[in-house]
N, C-alpha and C. Protein backbone atom coordinates (compact mmCIF):
# COMPACT_ATOMS: atom_id res chain seq x y z
N UNK A 1 1.05 13.81 40.24
CA UNK A 1 -0.71 13.44 39.87
C UNK A 1 -0.83 12.35 39.24
N UNK A 2 -0.05 11.71 38.14
CA UNK A 2 -0.41 10.65 37.79
C UNK A 2 -0.63 9.59 38.84
N UNK A 3 0.18 9.26 39.83
CA UNK A 3 0.28 8.40 41.02
C UNK A 3 -1.40 8.70 41.62
N UNK A 4 -1.93 9.78 41.74
CA UNK A 4 -3.08 9.62 42.23
C UNK A 4 -4.32 9.47 41.43
N UNK A 5 -4.02 9.70 40.45
CA UNK A 5 -4.99 9.05 39.34
C UNK A 5 -4.89 7.67 39.34
N UNK A 6 -3.87 7.11 39.31
CA UNK A 6 -3.72 5.57 39.29
C UNK A 6 -4.13 5.15 40.73
N UNK A 7 -3.83 6.01 41.87
CA UNK A 7 -4.76 4.95 43.15
C UNK A 7 -5.91 5.30 43.10
N UNK A 8 -6.52 6.33 42.62
CA UNK A 8 -7.84 6.18 42.48
C UNK A 8 -8.51 5.80 41.43
N UNK A 9 -8.06 5.25 40.38
CA UNK A 9 -8.33 4.02 39.69
C UNK A 9 -8.50 2.51 39.99
N UNK A 10 -7.24 2.48 40.85
CA UNK A 10 -7.37 1.29 41.73
C UNK A 10 -8.41 1.23 42.71
N UNK A 11 -8.67 2.36 43.42
CA UNK A 11 -9.29 2.16 44.80
C UNK A 11 -11.06 2.12 44.07
N UNK A 12 -11.29 2.50 43.24
CA UNK A 12 -12.60 2.23 42.50
C UNK A 12 -12.62 1.27 41.90
N UNK A 13 -11.68 0.30 41.48
CA UNK A 13 -12.04 -0.48 40.95
C UNK A 13 -12.12 -1.77 42.18
N UNK A 14 -11.43 -1.66 43.00
CA UNK A 14 -11.31 -2.37 44.16
C UNK A 14 -13.10 -2.57 44.83
N UNK A 15 -13.89 -1.09 45.01
CA UNK A 15 -14.74 -0.69 45.48
C UNK A 15 -15.66 -1.78 44.41
N UNK A 16 -15.34 -1.47 42.86
CA UNK A 16 -16.75 -2.19 42.09
C UNK A 16 -17.08 -3.64 42.36
N UNK A 17 -15.50 -4.13 42.49
CA UNK A 17 -15.36 -5.78 42.86
C UNK A 17 -15.82 -5.81 44.12
N UNK A 18 -15.58 -5.19 45.37
CA UNK A 18 -16.52 -5.44 46.57
C UNK A 18 -18.06 -5.37 46.68
N UNK A 19 -18.36 -4.40 45.77
CA UNK A 19 -19.79 -4.23 45.56
C UNK A 19 -20.49 -5.32 44.83
N UNK A 20 -19.70 -5.92 43.90
CA UNK A 20 -20.33 -7.03 42.72
C UNK A 20 -20.30 -8.10 43.85
N UNK A 21 -19.42 -8.49 44.81
CA UNK A 21 -19.44 -9.78 45.47
C UNK A 21 -20.35 -9.22 46.34
N UNK A 22 -20.56 -7.76 47.09
CA UNK A 22 -21.79 -7.89 48.22
C UNK A 22 -22.94 -8.53 47.44
N UNK A 23 -23.29 -8.04 46.26
CA UNK A 23 -24.72 -8.20 45.50
C UNK A 23 -24.85 -9.48 45.68
N UNK A 24 -23.83 -10.42 45.07
CA UNK A 24 -24.02 -11.81 45.25
C UNK A 24 -24.27 -12.46 46.25
N UNK A 25 -23.38 -12.13 47.28
CA UNK A 25 -23.64 -12.64 48.76
C UNK A 25 -25.05 -12.23 49.35
N UNK A 26 -25.43 -11.16 48.79
CA UNK A 26 -26.91 -10.56 49.21
C UNK A 26 -27.94 -11.55 48.39
N UNK A 27 -27.72 -12.05 47.43
CA UNK A 27 -28.78 -12.80 46.55
C UNK A 27 -28.79 -14.33 47.08
N UNK A 28 -27.34 -14.54 47.74
CA UNK A 28 -27.17 -16.06 48.41
C UNK A 28 -28.01 -15.64 49.46
N UNK A 29 -27.84 -14.96 50.35
CA UNK A 29 -28.45 -14.62 51.55
C UNK A 29 -30.25 -15.10 51.69
N UNK A 30 -30.40 -14.18 50.52
CA UNK A 30 -32.01 -14.06 50.30
C UNK A 30 -32.56 -15.23 49.91
N UNK A 31 -31.70 -16.11 49.07
CA UNK A 31 -32.03 -17.11 48.64
C UNK A 31 -32.39 -18.21 49.56
N UNK A 32 -30.98 -18.23 50.74
CA UNK A 32 -31.20 -19.15 52.01
C UNK A 32 -32.67 -18.83 52.84
N UNK A 33 -32.76 -17.50 53.06
CA UNK A 33 -33.84 -17.40 53.88
C UNK A 33 -34.94 -17.36 53.34
N UNK A 34 -34.93 -17.23 51.86
CA UNK A 34 -36.13 -18.34 51.48
C UNK A 34 -36.59 -19.43 51.55
N UNK A 35 -35.42 -20.10 51.72
CA UNK A 35 -35.59 -21.51 51.49
C UNK A 35 -35.50 -21.92 53.01
N UNK A 36 -35.21 -20.91 54.26
CA UNK A 36 -35.50 -21.42 55.15
C UNK A 36 -36.67 -21.40 55.77
N UNK A 37 -37.58 -20.35 55.17
CA UNK A 37 -39.14 -19.98 55.08
C UNK A 37 -39.79 -21.11 54.58
N UNK A 38 -39.37 -21.83 53.48
CA UNK A 38 -40.30 -22.82 53.23
C UNK A 38 -40.05 -24.55 53.96
N UNK A 39 -38.90 -24.55 54.32
CA UNK A 39 -38.66 -25.55 55.46
C UNK A 39 -38.97 -25.61 56.35
N UNK A 40 -39.40 -24.22 56.94
CA UNK A 40 -39.96 -24.19 58.12
C UNK A 40 -41.51 -24.52 58.15
N UNK A 41 -42.31 -24.27 57.28
CA UNK A 41 -43.34 -24.27 56.74
C UNK A 41 -43.74 -25.80 56.21
N UNK A 42 -42.91 -26.28 56.04
CA UNK A 42 -42.99 -27.57 55.69
C UNK A 42 -42.95 -28.45 56.94
N UNK A 43 -42.52 -28.05 57.93
CA UNK A 43 -41.81 -28.57 59.25
C UNK A 43 -43.19 -28.72 59.76
N UNK A 44 -44.15 -27.18 59.94
CA UNK A 44 -45.29 -27.18 60.63
C UNK A 44 -46.40 -28.50 59.40
N UNK A 45 -46.06 -28.23 58.68
CA UNK A 45 -47.20 -29.10 58.02
C UNK A 45 -47.16 -30.72 58.26
N UNK A 46 -45.56 -31.02 58.37
CA UNK A 46 -45.60 -32.38 58.70
C UNK A 46 -45.69 -32.46 60.39
N UNK A 47 -45.53 -31.58 61.40
CA UNK A 47 -45.64 -32.01 62.34
C UNK A 47 -47.20 -31.96 62.85
N UNK A 48 -48.01 -31.74 62.08
CA UNK A 48 -49.58 -31.44 62.18
C UNK A 48 -50.16 -32.63 61.67
N UNK A 49 -49.31 -33.17 60.77
CA UNK A 49 -49.77 -34.45 59.68
C UNK A 49 -49.29 -35.61 61.05
N UNK A 50 -47.98 -35.26 62.11
CA UNK A 50 -47.57 -36.39 62.54
C UNK A 50 -48.77 -36.06 63.79
N UNK A 51 -49.20 -35.06 64.60
CA UNK A 51 -49.79 -35.01 65.67
C UNK A 51 -51.21 -35.55 64.97
N UNK A 52 -51.70 -35.26 63.75
CA UNK A 52 -52.86 -36.29 63.71
C UNK A 52 -52.98 -37.85 63.62
N UNK A 53 -51.66 -38.23 63.14
CA UNK A 53 -51.46 -39.71 63.36
C UNK A 53 -51.44 -40.49 64.52
N UNK A 54 -50.90 -39.67 65.52
CA UNK A 54 -50.90 -40.09 66.61
C UNK A 54 -51.88 -40.04 67.85
N UNK A 55 -52.61 -39.28 67.18
CA UNK A 55 -53.82 -38.73 68.47
C UNK A 55 -54.69 -39.88 68.95
N UNK A 56 -54.97 -39.95 69.96
CA UNK A 56 -55.82 -41.13 70.35
C UNK A 56 -56.92 -41.31 69.97
N UNK A 57 -57.83 -40.42 69.27
CA UNK A 57 -58.77 -41.06 68.89
C UNK A 57 -58.45 -41.55 67.42
N UNK A 58 -57.72 -41.18 66.82
CA UNK A 58 -57.12 -41.89 65.62
C UNK A 58 -56.04 -43.39 65.75
N UNK A 59 -55.60 -43.27 66.93
CA UNK A 59 -55.15 -44.53 67.23
C UNK A 59 -56.23 -45.84 67.87
N UNK A 60 -57.25 -44.94 68.50
CA UNK A 60 -58.10 -45.86 68.84
C UNK A 60 -58.86 -46.34 67.60
N UNK A 61 -59.23 -45.55 66.45
CA UNK A 61 -60.34 -46.06 65.59
C UNK A 61 -59.19 -46.98 64.49
N UNK A 62 -58.06 -47.14 64.48
CA UNK A 62 -57.68 -48.15 63.70
C UNK A 62 -57.09 -49.36 64.33
N UNK A 63 -57.45 -49.14 65.81
CA UNK A 63 -57.11 -50.70 66.69
C UNK A 63 -58.23 -51.14 66.77
N UNK A 64 -59.80 -50.50 66.52
CA UNK A 64 -60.81 -50.97 66.31
C UNK A 64 -60.91 -52.07 65.07
N UNK A 65 -60.40 -51.02 63.96
CA UNK A 65 -60.04 -51.49 62.44
C UNK A 65 -59.44 -53.10 62.65
N UNK A 66 -58.55 -53.38 63.31
CA UNK A 66 -57.52 -54.06 63.54
C UNK A 66 -58.16 -55.37 64.16
N UNK A 67 -59.26 -55.04 64.79
CA UNK A 67 -59.94 -56.49 65.67
C UNK A 67 -59.65 -55.99 67.27
N UNK A 68 -58.87 -54.99 67.41
CA UNK A 68 -58.37 -54.76 68.77
C UNK A 68 -60.04 -54.51 69.85
N UNK A 69 -60.40 -54.69 70.91
CA UNK A 69 -61.46 -54.50 71.49
C UNK A 69 -61.01 -52.86 72.16
N UNK A 70 -62.03 -52.00 72.41
CA UNK A 70 -61.91 -51.08 73.37
C UNK A 70 -62.10 -51.17 74.81
N UNK A 71 -61.07 -50.52 75.14
CA UNK A 71 -60.85 -50.57 76.93
C UNK A 71 -62.21 -50.49 77.92
N UNK A 72 -63.09 -49.79 77.75
CA UNK A 72 -64.56 -49.49 77.84
C UNK A 72 -65.06 -50.99 77.81
N UNK A 73 -65.42 -51.51 76.58
CA UNK A 73 -65.91 -52.72 76.69
C UNK A 73 -65.13 -54.08 77.37
N UNK A 74 -63.99 -54.11 77.47
CA UNK A 74 -63.37 -54.79 77.97
C UNK A 74 -63.20 -54.96 79.32
N UNK A 75 -63.62 -53.68 79.95
CA UNK A 75 -63.53 -53.91 81.44
C UNK A 75 -65.22 -53.78 82.07
N UNK A 76 -66.38 -53.94 80.59
CA UNK A 76 -67.77 -53.84 80.99
C UNK A 76 -67.60 -55.64 80.94
N UNK A 77 -66.98 -56.05 80.05
CA UNK A 77 -68.06 -57.45 80.21
C UNK A 77 -67.08 -58.39 81.57
N UNK A 78 -66.08 -58.06 82.10
CA UNK A 78 -65.54 -58.64 83.41
C UNK A 78 -64.67 -60.11 83.07
N UNK A 79 -64.63 -59.85 81.87
CA UNK A 79 -63.97 -61.67 81.51
C UNK A 79 -62.29 -61.10 81.52
N UNK A 80 -61.84 -60.15 81.95
CA UNK A 80 -60.49 -60.08 81.79
C UNK A 80 -60.10 -60.48 80.32
N UNK A 81 -60.57 -59.88 79.73
CA UNK A 81 -59.92 -59.56 77.95
C UNK A 81 -58.99 -59.10 77.87
N UNK A 82 -57.59 -59.36 77.58
CA UNK A 82 -56.79 -58.30 77.67
C UNK A 82 -56.95 -57.52 76.23
N UNK A 83 -56.72 -56.14 76.51
CA UNK A 83 -56.76 -55.01 75.16
C UNK A 83 -55.97 -55.33 74.68
N UNK A 84 -55.05 -55.72 74.72
CA UNK A 84 -53.61 -55.53 73.63
C UNK A 84 -53.31 -56.79 73.08
N UNK A 85 -54.12 -57.58 72.69
CA UNK A 85 -54.02 -58.76 71.91
C UNK A 85 -55.15 -58.78 71.26
N UNK A 86 -55.36 -59.11 70.00
CA UNK A 86 -56.13 -59.12 69.22
C UNK A 86 -56.90 -60.46 69.04
N UNK A 87 -58.31 -60.53 69.28
CA UNK A 87 -59.18 -61.65 69.65
C UNK A 87 -60.33 -61.68 68.77
């Protein structure tokens, strides 16, 4: 009878130990899932920013600000002005 009570006590102690470990792992998993969600949102924001920066209209505007002439103007002048170099 004492052996049975001892085995039950050991079994319950092991169960409590594994349950506490499970809770800890669950909290860690939840924290990681939150971090993943945050990083995915941050990636979406960065991708949007990159798309804006490399858009054709943005690049054309920055090129004009730096003194490059638009392709349409170079074609219409007929002077064979290279559009890749600053004039």
